[in-house]
Amino acid sequence: MTYVLGKYSTRLTACDPVPVGEWAPWLPQSDDGDAPSAEDAPGELLVFTREDVESLLVNSGNLVIQPDQSWVLVGTETIVMTDAAEHVLETEVLDLGIDVRVTPALFTWDFGDGSAPLSGADPGAPWPNHTISHVYTEPRVVTLSLRTEWDAAFRVEGTSTWLPVAGRAVTETTTGPIEVVTARPRLTTG
């Protein structure tokens, strides 16, 4: 298949590595069997962008909180994680079937209390082996949010080569309101 970047073109076979940059398949409209030269204007240029990926229904995954309830305690760890995972979406461009593979690359957690967001490649894990948590310092009502950036690649039907999509698609997930409360011990008789 021939790929173009501006006025440059390259021909790839299934064994060749994907070229670096925003290369896209060149799909000539000619039916006479002659391959157009690199100097000719392409008939159709198949380009798949970050915006195209964002227009698909990327499964952003769930934002999971432990403990799983509508309130958390001041001074104790609130554990967060997501089940966002790589998956393949299908779409059509220029009457060609396109597979789009999206892979979560960066997670940004905002705990809703004005503290700095926490970013990294770790999706988190459940207690007791948790890797991402936050300790609230005062009572309030918060909404947690997770911003996930996705690396994407696409391939045209009938080919096995995945081509990278420039830029990252973004999804956002939020919780409902969560009440941060204090607990006071009480002595009882009994």
Protein backbone atom coordinates (compact mmCIF):
# COMPACT_ATOMS: atom_id res chain seq x y z
CA MET A 1 0.00 0.00 0.00
CA THR A 2 1.23 3.51 -0.71
CA TYR A 3 1.20 6.10 2.08
CA VAL A 4 1.60 9.84 1.68
CA LEU A 5 2.75 12.73 3.88
CA GLY A 6 2.26 15.99 2.00
CA LYS A 7 4.04 15.61 -1.35
CA TYR A 8 6.08 12.58 -0.20
CA SER A 9 5.03 8.98 -0.58
CA THR A 10 6.28 5.58 0.51
CA ARG A 11 5.21 2.04 -0.33
CA LEU A 12 4.84 -0.43 2.55
CA THR A 13 4.35 -4.16 2.69
CA ALA A 14 2.91 -6.01 5.68
CA CYS A 15 6.44 -6.59 7.04
CA ASP A 16 7.55 -2.93 6.93
CA PRO A 17 7.47 -0.77 10.07
CA VAL A 18 4.96 2.06 10.28
CA PRO A 19 6.57 5.35 9.14
CA VAL A 20 6.98 8.11 11.70
CA GLY A 21 4.70 11.13 11.24
CA GLU A 22 1.16 11.67 10.02
CA TRP A 23 1.24 9.27 7.08
CA ALA A 24 -2.03 8.07 5.64
CA PRO A 25 -2.98 5.51 2.96
CA TRP A 26 -3.26 6.84 -0.56
CA LEU A 27 -6.28 5.38 -2.29
CA PRO A 28 -6.12 6.21 -6.01
CA GLN A 29 -9.44 6.46 -7.88
CA SER A 30 -8.00 5.16 -11.15
CA ASP A 31 -9.32 1.75 -12.30
CA ASP A 32 -6.88 1.29 -15.22
CA GLY A 33 -4.40 -0.72 -13.13
CA ASP A 34 -1.59 1.85 -13.43
CA ALA A 35 -0.22 3.06 -10.12
CA PRO A 36 -0.11 6.86 -10.03
CA SER A 37 3.30 8.44 -9.52
CA ALA A 38 4.27 10.28 -6.33
CA GLU A 39 4.12 13.56 -8.26
CA ASP A 40 0.42 13.07 -9.14
CA ALA A 41 -2.21 14.42 -6.77
CA PRO A 42 -3.77 11.61 -4.77
CA GLY A 43 -7.30 10.56 -5.68
CA GLU A 44 -8.40 10.17 -2.07
CA LEU A 45 -6.33 10.60 1.07
CA LEU A 46 -7.45 8.54 4.05
CA VAL A 47 -6.64 10.41 7.24
CA PHE A 48 -7.83 9.42 10.70
CA THR A 49 -7.43 12.09 13.37
CA ARG A 50 -7.71 12.46 17.14
CA GLU A 51 -11.03 14.22 16.58
CA ASP A 52 -12.28 11.22 14.59
CA VAL A 53 -11.37 8.92 17.48
CA GLU A 54 -13.16 11.21 19.95
CA SER A 55 -16.30 11.08 17.80
CA LEU A 56 -16.46 7.29 18.27
CA LEU A 57 -17.94 5.75 21.40
CA VAL A 58 -14.71 5.11 23.30
CA ASN A 59 -15.51 3.06 26.42
CA SER A 60 -13.98 5.33 29.06
CA GLY A 61 -14.26 2.68 31.78
CA ASN A 62 -15.67 3.09 35.26
CA LEU A 63 -14.32 5.34 38.00
CA VAL A 64 -14.40 3.09 41.07
CA ILE A 65 -14.10 4.38 44.65
CA GLN A 66 -13.40 2.42 47.81
CA PRO A 67 -15.16 2.42 50.15
CA ASP A 68 -18.11 2.06 47.76
CA GLN A 69 -20.60 4.42 49.39
CA SER A 70 -21.86 8.00 49.12
CA TRP A 71 -19.60 9.28 51.91
CA VAL A 72 -15.94 9.06 52.98
CA LEU A 73 -14.13 9.97 56.19
CA VAL A 74 -11.83 12.93 56.77
CA GLY A 75 -8.30 11.71 57.49
CA THR A 76 -8.65 8.24 55.92
CA GLU A 77 -7.64 7.01 52.48
CA THR A 78 -10.19 7.19 49.70
CA ILE A 79 -9.03 4.65 47.12
CA VAL A 80 -9.69 5.18 43.40
CA MET A 81 -9.20 3.04 40.31
CA THR A 82 -10.54 2.54 36.80
CA ASP A 83 -11.19 -0.47 34.60
CA ALA A 84 -10.40 1.46 31.39
CA ALA A 85 -8.70 -0.97 28.98
CA GLU A 86 -7.53 -1.28 25.39
CA HIS A 87 -10.33 -2.03 22.94
CA VAL A 88 -11.04 -1.93 19.21
CA LEU A 89 -13.79 0.17 17.63
CA GLU A 90 -15.14 -0.22 14.11
CA THR A 91 -16.17 2.55 11.75
CA GLU A 92 -16.29 3.39 8.05
CA VAL A 93 -14.36 6.04 6.09
CA LEU A 94 -14.67 6.49 2.31
CA ASP A 95 -16.73 3.27 2.18
CA LEU A 96 -13.85 1.31 3.75
CA GLY A 97 -14.09 -0.56 7.04
CA ILE A 98 -11.68 0.87 9.62
CA ASP A 99 -10.59 -0.70 12.91
CA VAL A 100 -9.50 1.80 15.55
CA ARG A 101 -7.53 0.47 18.53
CA VAL A 102 -7.54 2.74 21.60
CA THR A 103 -5.22 2.20 24.57
CA PRO A 104 -5.37 4.19 27.83
CA ALA A 105 -2.08 6.06 28.21
CA LEU A 106 -2.52 8.71 30.92
CA PHE A 107 -4.94 9.04 33.83
CA THR A 108 -5.53 12.36 35.61
CA TRP A 109 -7.45 12.13 38.88
CA ASP A 110 -9.13 15.23 40.35
CA PHE A 111 -10.40 14.69 43.88
CA GLY A 112 -12.67 17.75 43.89
CA ASP A 113 -11.23 19.47 46.95
CA GLY A 114 -8.90 21.96 45.28
CA SER A 115 -5.81 19.77 45.67
CA ALA A 116 -3.54 19.34 42.64
CA PRO A 117 -4.71 16.62 40.24
CA LEU A 118 -2.72 13.38 40.24
CA SER A 119 -1.50 12.14 36.81
CA GLY A 120 0.18 8.93 35.71
CA ALA A 121 -0.11 5.72 33.71
CA ASP A 122 -1.37 3.70 36.71
CA PRO A 123 -5.11 2.84 36.54
CA GLY A 124 -5.14 2.07 40.27
CA ALA A 125 -5.94 -1.14 42.15
CA PRO A 126 -8.32 -2.22 44.94
CA TRP A 127 -7.53 -2.39 48.64
CA PRO A 128 -5.27 -3.77 50.15
CA ASN A 129 -2.88 -3.48 47.18
CA HIS A 130 -4.15 -0.05 46.16
CA THR A 131 -1.84 2.32 44.34
CA ILE A 132 -3.89 5.53 44.13
CA SER A 133 -5.62 7.17 47.07
CA HIS A 134 -6.39 10.57 48.54
CA VAL A 135 -6.89 11.82 52.11
CA TYR A 136 -9.43 14.61 52.61
CA THR A 137 -8.59 17.13 55.35
CA GLU A 138 -11.97 18.73 56.03
CA PRO A 139 -15.69 18.02 55.67
CA ARG A 140 -17.27 19.04 52.36
CA VAL A 141 -19.15 17.66 49.38
CA VAL A 142 -16.91 16.66 46.43
CA THR A 143 -17.21 15.27 42.94
CA LEU A 144 -14.28 13.18 41.74
CA SER A 145 -13.31 13.15 38.08
CA LEU A 146 -11.03 11.08 35.90
CA ARG A 147 -9.58 12.36 32.63
CA THR A 148 -8.20 9.54 30.45
CA GLU A 149 -5.97 10.16 27.44
CA TRP A 150 -5.98 7.42 24.80
CA ASP A 151 -3.31 6.49 22.27
CA ALA A 152 -4.95 5.32 19.06
CA ALA A 153 -4.00 3.46 15.90
CA PHE A 154 -6.08 2.49 12.88
CA ARG A 155 -5.98 -0.03 10.07
CA VAL A 156 -7.92 -0.27 6.86
CA GLU A 157 -9.91 -3.43 6.15
CA GLY A 158 -7.81 -6.02 4.37
CA THR A 159 -4.53 -4.80 5.89
CA SER A 160 -2.68 -5.88 9.01
CA THR A 161 -0.63 -2.72 9.57
CA TRP A 162 -1.73 -0.44 12.41
CA LEU A 163 -0.99 3.23 11.74
CA PRO A 164 -0.71 5.67 14.67
CA VAL A 165 -3.19 8.51 15.06
CA ALA A 166 -1.50 11.84 15.84
CA GLY A 167 -2.49 13.20 19.23
CA ARG A 168 -4.49 11.59 21.99
CA ALA A 169 -8.23 11.25 22.35
CA VAL A 170 -9.65 12.26 25.74
CA THR A 171 -12.57 10.96 27.80
CA GLU A 172 -13.84 12.23 31.15
CA THR A 173 -15.71 10.36 33.86
CA THR A 174 -17.16 11.83 37.07
CA THR A 175 -18.83 10.55 40.22
CA GLY A 176 -21.97 11.81 41.79
CA PRO A 177 -21.61 14.02 44.87
CA ILE A 178 -19.69 12.39 47.73
CA GLU A 179 -19.93 13.72 51.26
CA VAL A 180 -16.67 13.98 53.20
CA VAL A 181 -17.58 13.64 56.90
CA THR A 182 -15.88 13.49 60.28
CA ALA A 183 -16.54 10.67 62.69
CA ARG A 184 -16.53 11.30 66.43
CA PRO A 185 -16.12 8.41 68.85
CA ARG A 186 -18.74 8.10 71.59
CA LEU A 187 -18.55 6.17 74.83
CA THR A 188 -21.59 4.11 75.55
CA THR A 189 -22.64 2.00 78.46
CA GLY A 190 -23.66 -1.44 77.96
